[in-house]
C-alpha cells in the first residue's frame, strides 16, 4: 500500500520524506555482519532454524504453559497461513493489541513469516489512542483478544467503524492467558 511516504537511500544514508534518518554507519554494519551479530535473517527464518536445531527445547514459558521451538514454529506457521487466507500480504500493516502471552509471541512470528509489518499497541490503550494509531499506520488488520482484564476489545474495535477506513480485518484470539 502506498501510504504517501517515500523512503530513499542515497550514499548509504536512508531518507524518509526527504529527511535523513538516524542510522549506523556502513563500516559498523559491515563489522556487525563480519562478526556474526547481524545475519540478514528474518524472525521467521530464526524460529524455523531453532525448530530444526532444538525442536524439543522450551522456547516460551509463561505461567504454567510451555511451548517448544517446534510447536512455536508450527503454530506460528498455521497462524501465518490463516492471515494469508484472510487476504493479508507482505508489506501490510497489522496492529497487535494482545497482553504478554504465548498468543502474542505466536502472532509476532506469524506476521514476520508473511512479511507484514507488526504494529504493537499497548493493551491498556482504548478507543481514542487505538483509532489514532490504526489511522496513522494505515493498519489493514488488528489482532485482539475478545476480552481481557474485564475489558471487551472486540466491542471497542467494532465501535471504531468508519473512523478507521484502512482497517479491513479483525482477528480475535480465543482464550488468551497471560
C-alpha atoms as a PDB file:
ATOM      1  CA  UNK A   1       0.000   0.000   0.000  1.00  0.00           C
ATOM      2  CA  UNK A   2       1.200   3.464  -0.798  1.00  0.00           C
ATOM      3  CA  UNK A   3       0.783   5.448   2.383  1.00  0.00           C
ATOM      4  CA  UNK A   4       2.103   8.657   0.828  1.00  0.00           C
ATOM      5  CA  UNK A   5       5.508   8.078   2.391  1.00  0.00           C
ATOM      6  CA  UNK A   6       8.776   7.997   0.451  1.00  0.00           C
ATOM      7  CA  UNK A   7      11.793   6.068   1.618  1.00  0.00           C
ATOM      8  CA  UNK A   8      15.011   6.527  -0.342  1.00  0.00           C
ATOM      9  CA  UNK A   9      18.664   5.586   0.026  1.00  0.00           C
ATOM     10  CA  UNK A  10      21.489   7.839  -1.135  1.00  0.00           C
ATOM     11  CA  UNK A  11      25.167   7.233  -0.396  1.00  0.00           C
ATOM     12  CA  UNK A  12      24.356   4.619   2.263  1.00  0.00           C
ATOM     13  CA  UNK A  13      22.026   7.009   4.111  1.00  0.00           C
ATOM     14  CA  UNK A  14      18.266   6.480   4.380  1.00  0.00           C
ATOM     15  CA  UNK A  15      15.825   9.359   3.881  1.00  0.00           C
ATOM     16  CA  UNK A  16      12.163   9.375   4.911  1.00  0.00           C
ATOM     17  CA  UNK A  17      10.108  12.027   3.124  1.00  0.00           C
ATOM     18  CA  UNK A  18      13.350  13.875   2.352  1.00  0.00           C
ATOM     19  CA  UNK A  19      14.572  13.909   5.960  1.00  0.00           C
ATOM     20  CA  UNK A  20      17.700  11.963   6.870  1.00  0.00           C
ATOM     21  CA  UNK A  21      17.049   9.056   9.203  1.00  0.00           C
ATOM     22  CA  UNK A  22      19.471   8.325  12.025  1.00  0.00           C
ATOM     23  CA  UNK A  23      21.434   5.200  11.321  1.00  0.00           C
ATOM     24  CA  UNK A  24      24.532   3.167  11.827  1.00  0.00           C
ATOM     25  CA  UNK A  25      27.465   3.923   9.576  1.00  0.00           C
ATOM     26  CA  UNK A  26      28.288   1.445   6.832  1.00  0.00           C
ATOM     27  CA  UNK A  27      31.620   0.362   8.366  1.00  0.00           C
ATOM     28  CA  UNK A  28      29.823  -0.580  11.578  1.00  0.00           C
ATOM     29  CA  UNK A  29      27.225  -2.640   9.705  1.00  0.00           C
ATOM     30  CA  UNK A  30      29.977  -4.462   7.810  1.00  0.00           C
ATOM     31  CA  UNK A  31      31.732  -5.369  11.060  1.00  0.00           C
ATOM     32  CA  UNK A  32      28.408  -6.465  12.615  1.00  0.00           C
ATOM     33  CA  UNK A  33      27.966  -8.895   9.718  1.00  0.00           C
ATOM     34  CA  UNK A  34      31.605  -9.989   9.757  1.00  0.00           C
ATOM     35  CA  UNK A  35      31.445 -10.911  13.455  1.00  0.00           C
ATOM     36  CA  UNK A  36      28.047 -12.585  13.128  1.00  0.00           C
ATOM     37  CA  UNK A  37      26.000 -10.043  15.096  1.00  0.00           C
ATOM     38  CA  UNK A  38      23.812  -9.430  12.033  1.00  0.00           C
ATOM     39  CA  UNK A  39      22.801 -12.400   9.933  1.00  0.00           C
ATOM     40  CA  UNK A  40      20.343 -10.922   7.400  1.00  0.00           C
ATOM     41  CA  UNK A  41      17.636 -13.311   8.589  1.00  0.00           C
ATOM     42  CA  UNK A  42      14.007 -12.657   9.383  1.00  0.00           C
ATOM     43  CA  UNK A  43      12.281 -13.603  12.625  1.00  0.00           C
ATOM     44  CA  UNK A  44      10.589 -16.347  10.608  1.00  0.00           C
ATOM     45  CA  UNK A  45      13.983 -17.689   9.498  1.00  0.00           C
ATOM     46  CA  UNK A  46      15.250 -17.652  13.073  1.00  0.00           C
ATOM     47  CA  UNK A  47      12.327 -19.589  14.534  1.00  0.00           C
ATOM     48  CA  UNK A  48      12.459 -22.162  11.716  1.00  0.00           C
ATOM     49  CA  UNK A  49      16.190 -22.691  12.347  1.00  0.00           C
ATOM     50  CA  UNK A  50      15.619 -23.004  16.106  1.00  0.00           C
ATOM     51  CA  UNK A  51      12.856 -25.557  15.475  1.00  0.00           C
ATOM     52  CA  UNK A  52      15.254 -27.662  13.392  1.00  0.00           C
ATOM     53  CA  UNK A  53      18.154 -27.272  15.834  1.00  0.00           C
ATOM     54  CA  UNK A  54      16.297 -27.649  19.173  1.00  0.00           C
ATOM     55  CA  UNK A  55      12.788 -28.968  18.390  1.00  0.00           C
ATOM     56  CA  UNK A  56      12.008 -30.152  21.923  1.00  0.00           C
ATOM     57  CA  UNK A  57      13.652 -27.321  23.871  1.00  0.00           C
ATOM     58  CA  UNK A  58      11.370 -24.872  25.624  1.00  0.00           C
ATOM     59  CA  UNK A  59      11.020 -21.649  23.648  1.00  0.00           C
ATOM     60  CA  UNK A  60       8.377 -19.988  25.823  1.00  0.00           C
ATOM     61  CA  UNK A  61       7.445 -20.377  29.443  1.00  0.00           C
ATOM     62  CA  UNK A  62       4.558 -18.205  30.556  1.00  0.00           C
ATOM     63  CA  UNK A  63       2.771 -19.195  33.748  1.00  0.00           C
ATOM     64  CA  UNK A  64       2.231 -22.936  33.593  1.00  0.00           C
ATOM     65  CA  UNK A  65       2.371 -23.015  29.798  1.00  0.00           C
ATOM     66  CA  UNK A  66       5.388 -24.394  27.963  1.00  0.00           C
ATOM     67  CA  UNK A  67       5.898 -24.192  24.206  1.00  0.00           C
ATOM     68  CA  UNK A  68       8.783 -25.887  22.397  1.00  0.00           C
ATOM     69  CA  UNK A  69      10.588 -24.361  19.425  1.00  0.00           C
ATOM     70  CA  UNK A  70       8.926 -26.916  17.149  1.00  0.00           C
ATOM     71  CA  UNK A  71       5.485 -26.005  18.490  1.00  0.00           C
ATOM     72  CA  UNK A  72       6.228 -22.283  18.183  1.00  0.00           C
ATOM     73  CA  UNK A  73       7.280 -22.753  14.563  1.00  0.00           C
ATOM     74  CA  UNK A  74       4.310 -24.973  13.691  1.00  0.00           C
ATOM     75  CA  UNK A  75       1.693 -22.829  15.434  1.00  0.00           C
ATOM     76  CA  UNK A  76       3.061 -19.550  14.040  1.00  0.00           C
ATOM     77  CA  UNK A  77       3.118 -21.087  10.534  1.00  0.00           C
ATOM     78  CA  UNK A  78      -0.501 -22.163  10.947  1.00  0.00           C
ATOM     79  CA  UNK A  79      -1.455 -18.632  12.022  1.00  0.00           C
ATOM     80  CA  UNK A  80       0.581 -17.165   9.129  1.00  0.00           C
ATOM     81  CA  UNK A  81      -1.439 -19.293   6.690  1.00  0.00           C
ATOM     82  CA  UNK A  82      -4.641 -18.043   8.325  1.00  0.00           C
ATOM     83  CA  UNK A  83      -3.509 -14.439   7.911  1.00  0.00           C
ATOM     84  CA  UNK A  84      -2.719 -15.073   4.239  1.00  0.00           C
ATOM     85  CA  UNK A  85      -6.075 -16.801   3.795  1.00  0.00           C
ATOM     86  CA  UNK A  86      -7.799 -13.691   5.164  1.00  0.00           C
ATOM     87  CA  UNK A  87      -6.174 -11.618   2.406  1.00  0.00           C
ATOM     88  CA  UNK A  88      -3.258 -10.108   4.300  1.00  0.00           C
ATOM     89  CA  UNK A  89       0.026  -9.881   2.412  1.00  0.00           C
ATOM     90  CA  UNK A  90       3.673  -8.910   2.650  1.00  0.00           C
ATOM     91  CA  UNK A  91       4.043  -5.217   3.450  1.00  0.00           C
ATOM     92  CA  UNK A  92       0.620  -4.907   5.096  1.00  0.00           C
ATOM     93  CA  UNK A  93       0.473  -3.210   8.488  1.00  0.00           C
ATOM     94  CA  UNK A  94      -1.039  -5.451  11.155  1.00  0.00           C
ATOM     95  CA  UNK A  95      -1.760  -3.996  14.587  1.00  0.00           C
ATOM     96  CA  UNK A  96      -1.467  -6.308  17.590  1.00  0.00           C
ATOM     97  CA  UNK A  97      -3.145  -5.404  20.876  1.00  0.00           C
ATOM     98  CA  UNK A  98      -2.594  -8.509  22.980  1.00  0.00           C
ATOM     99  CA  UNK A  99      -1.352  -8.916  26.545  1.00  0.00           C
ATOM    100  CA  UNK A 100       2.007 -10.611  27.133  1.00  0.00           C
ATOM    101  CA  UNK A 101       1.132 -14.200  26.283  1.00  0.00           C
ATOM    102  CA  UNK A 102       2.025 -17.191  24.140  1.00  0.00           C
ATOM    103  CA  UNK A 103      -0.530 -15.930  21.619  1.00  0.00           C
ATOM    104  CA  UNK A 104       1.245 -12.572  21.394  1.00  0.00           C
ATOM    105  CA  UNK A 105       4.551 -14.235  20.534  1.00  0.00           C
ATOM    106  CA  UNK A 106       2.905 -16.581  18.008  1.00  0.00           C
ATOM    107  CA  UNK A 107       1.262 -13.595  16.348  1.00  0.00           C
ATOM    108  CA  UNK A 108       4.525 -11.664  16.039  1.00  0.00           C
ATOM    109  CA  UNK A 109       6.231 -14.664  14.389  1.00  0.00           C
ATOM    110  CA  UNK A 110       3.255 -15.277  12.081  1.00  0.00           C
ATOM    111  CA  UNK A 111       3.283 -11.656  10.931  1.00  0.00           C
ATOM    112  CA  UNK A 112       7.031 -11.883  10.297  1.00  0.00           C
ATOM    113  CA  UNK A 113       6.583 -15.096   8.300  1.00  0.00           C
ATOM    114  CA  UNK A 114       4.225 -13.437   5.818  1.00  0.00           C
ATOM    115  CA  UNK A 115       6.426 -10.349   5.540  1.00  0.00           C
ATOM    116  CA  UNK A 116       3.858  -7.997   7.034  1.00  0.00           C
ATOM    117  CA  UNK A 117       4.682  -5.199   9.467  1.00  0.00           C
ATOM    118  CA  UNK A 118       3.789  -5.685  13.135  1.00  0.00           C
ATOM    119  CA  UNK A 119       2.473  -2.635  14.953  1.00  0.00           C
ATOM    120  CA  UNK A 120       2.170  -3.386  18.658  1.00  0.00           C
ATOM    121  CA  UNK A 121      -0.462  -1.411  20.564  1.00  0.00           C
ATOM    122  CA  UNK A 122      -0.273  -1.443  24.350  1.00  0.00           C
ATOM    123  CA  UNK A 123      -3.270  -3.377  25.777  1.00  0.00           C
ATOM    124  CA  UNK A 124      -4.228  -0.545  28.148  1.00  0.00           C
ATOM    125  CA  UNK A 125      -4.928   1.840  25.245  1.00  0.00           C
ATOM    126  CA  UNK A 126      -8.550   2.463  24.410  1.00  0.00           C
ATOM    127  CA  UNK A 127     -10.691   3.832  21.584  1.00  0.00           C
ATOM    128  CA  UNK A 128      -9.114   7.271  21.152  1.00  0.00           C
ATOM    129  CA  UNK A 129      -5.485   6.031  21.105  1.00  0.00           C
ATOM    130  CA  UNK A 130      -6.261   2.897  19.085  1.00  0.00           C
ATOM    131  CA  UNK A 131      -8.110   4.938  16.447  1.00  0.00           C
ATOM    132  CA  UNK A 132      -5.190   7.345  16.124  1.00  0.00           C
ATOM    133  CA  UNK A 133      -2.602   4.534  15.838  1.00  0.00           C
ATOM    134  CA  UNK A 134      -4.626   2.484  13.331  1.00  0.00           C
ATOM    135  CA  UNK A 135      -5.105   5.549  11.125  1.00  0.00           C
ATOM    136  CA  UNK A 136      -1.558   6.849  11.474  1.00  0.00           C
ATOM    137  CA  UNK A 137      -0.102   3.468  10.483  1.00  0.00           C
ATOM    138  CA  UNK A 138      -2.813   2.612   7.922  1.00  0.00           C
ATOM    139  CA  UNK A 139      -3.350  -0.763   9.587  1.00  0.00           C
ATOM    140  CA  UNK A 140      -5.277  -3.248   7.436  1.00  0.00           C
ATOM    141  CA  UNK A 141      -5.849  -5.623  10.345  1.00  0.00           C
ATOM    142  CA  UNK A 142      -5.791  -5.795  14.114  1.00  0.00           C
ATOM    143  CA  UNK A 143      -5.260  -8.844  16.338  1.00  0.00           C
ATOM    144  CA  UNK A 144      -7.034  -8.599  19.691  1.00  0.00           C
ATOM    145  CA  UNK A 145      -8.355 -10.779  22.491  1.00  0.00           C
ATOM    146  CA  UNK A 146     -12.158 -10.953  22.623  1.00  0.00           C
ATOM    147  CA  UNK A 147     -11.975  -9.890  26.228  1.00  0.00           C
ATOM    148  CA  UNK A 148      -9.112  -9.490  28.676  1.00  0.00           C
ATOM    149  CA  UNK A 149      -8.836  -7.907  32.117  1.00  0.00           C
ATOM    150  CA  UNK A 150     -12.606  -7.314  32.207  1.00  0.00           C
ATOM    151  CA  UNK A 151     -12.411  -5.210  29.030  1.00  0.00           C
ATOM    152  CA  UNK A 152     -14.145  -6.147  25.783  1.00  0.00           C
ATOM    153  CA  UNK A 153     -11.649  -5.412  22.986  1.00  0.00           C
ATOM    154  CA  UNK A 154     -13.929  -6.738  20.264  1.00  0.00           C
ATOM    155  CA  UNK A 155     -16.689  -4.264  21.182  1.00  0.00           C
ATOM    156  CA  UNK A 156     -14.172  -1.427  21.211  1.00  0.00           C
ATOM    157  CA  UNK A 157     -12.739  -2.265  17.771  1.00  0.00           C
ATOM    158  CA  UNK A 158     -16.184  -2.885  16.277  1.00  0.00           C
ATOM    159  CA  UNK A 159     -17.268   0.554  17.535  1.00  0.00           C
ATOM    160  CA  UNK A 160     -14.483   2.264  15.539  1.00  0.00           C
ATOM    161  CA  UNK A 161     -16.335   1.689  12.266  1.00  0.00           C
ATOM    162  CA  UNK A 162     -15.746   4.358   9.633  1.00  0.00           C
ATOM    163  CA  UNK A 163     -13.314   6.208  11.918  1.00  0.00           C
ATOM    164  CA  UNK A 164     -10.642   3.695  10.780  1.00  0.00           C
ATOM    165  CA  UNK A 165     -11.057   3.400   6.986  1.00  0.00           C
ATOM    166  CA  UNK A 166      -7.925   1.282   6.370  1.00  0.00           C
ATOM    167  CA  UNK A 167      -8.985  -1.407   8.869  1.00  0.00           C
ATOM    168  CA  UNK A 168     -10.447  -4.355   6.964  1.00  0.00           C
ATOM    169  CA  UNK A 169      -9.817  -7.374   9.191  1.00  0.00           C
ATOM    170  CA  UNK A 170     -10.265  -8.068  12.898  1.00  0.00           C
ATOM    171  CA  UNK A 171      -8.539 -11.225  14.138  1.00  0.00           C
ATOM    172  CA  UNK A 172      -9.880 -12.311  17.515  1.00  0.00           C
ATOM    173  CA  UNK A 173      -7.664 -14.604  19.582  1.00  0.00           C
ATOM    174  CA  UNK A 174      -9.661 -17.025  21.703  1.00  0.00           C
ATOM    175  CA  UNK A 175      -8.837 -17.580  25.338  1.00  0.00           C
ATOM    176  CA  UNK A 176      -5.691 -15.519  25.979  1.00  0.00           C
ATOM    177  CA  UNK A 177      -3.928 -16.413  29.203  1.00  0.00           C
ATOM    178  CA  UNK A 178      -1.156 -14.031  30.174  1.00  0.00           C
END
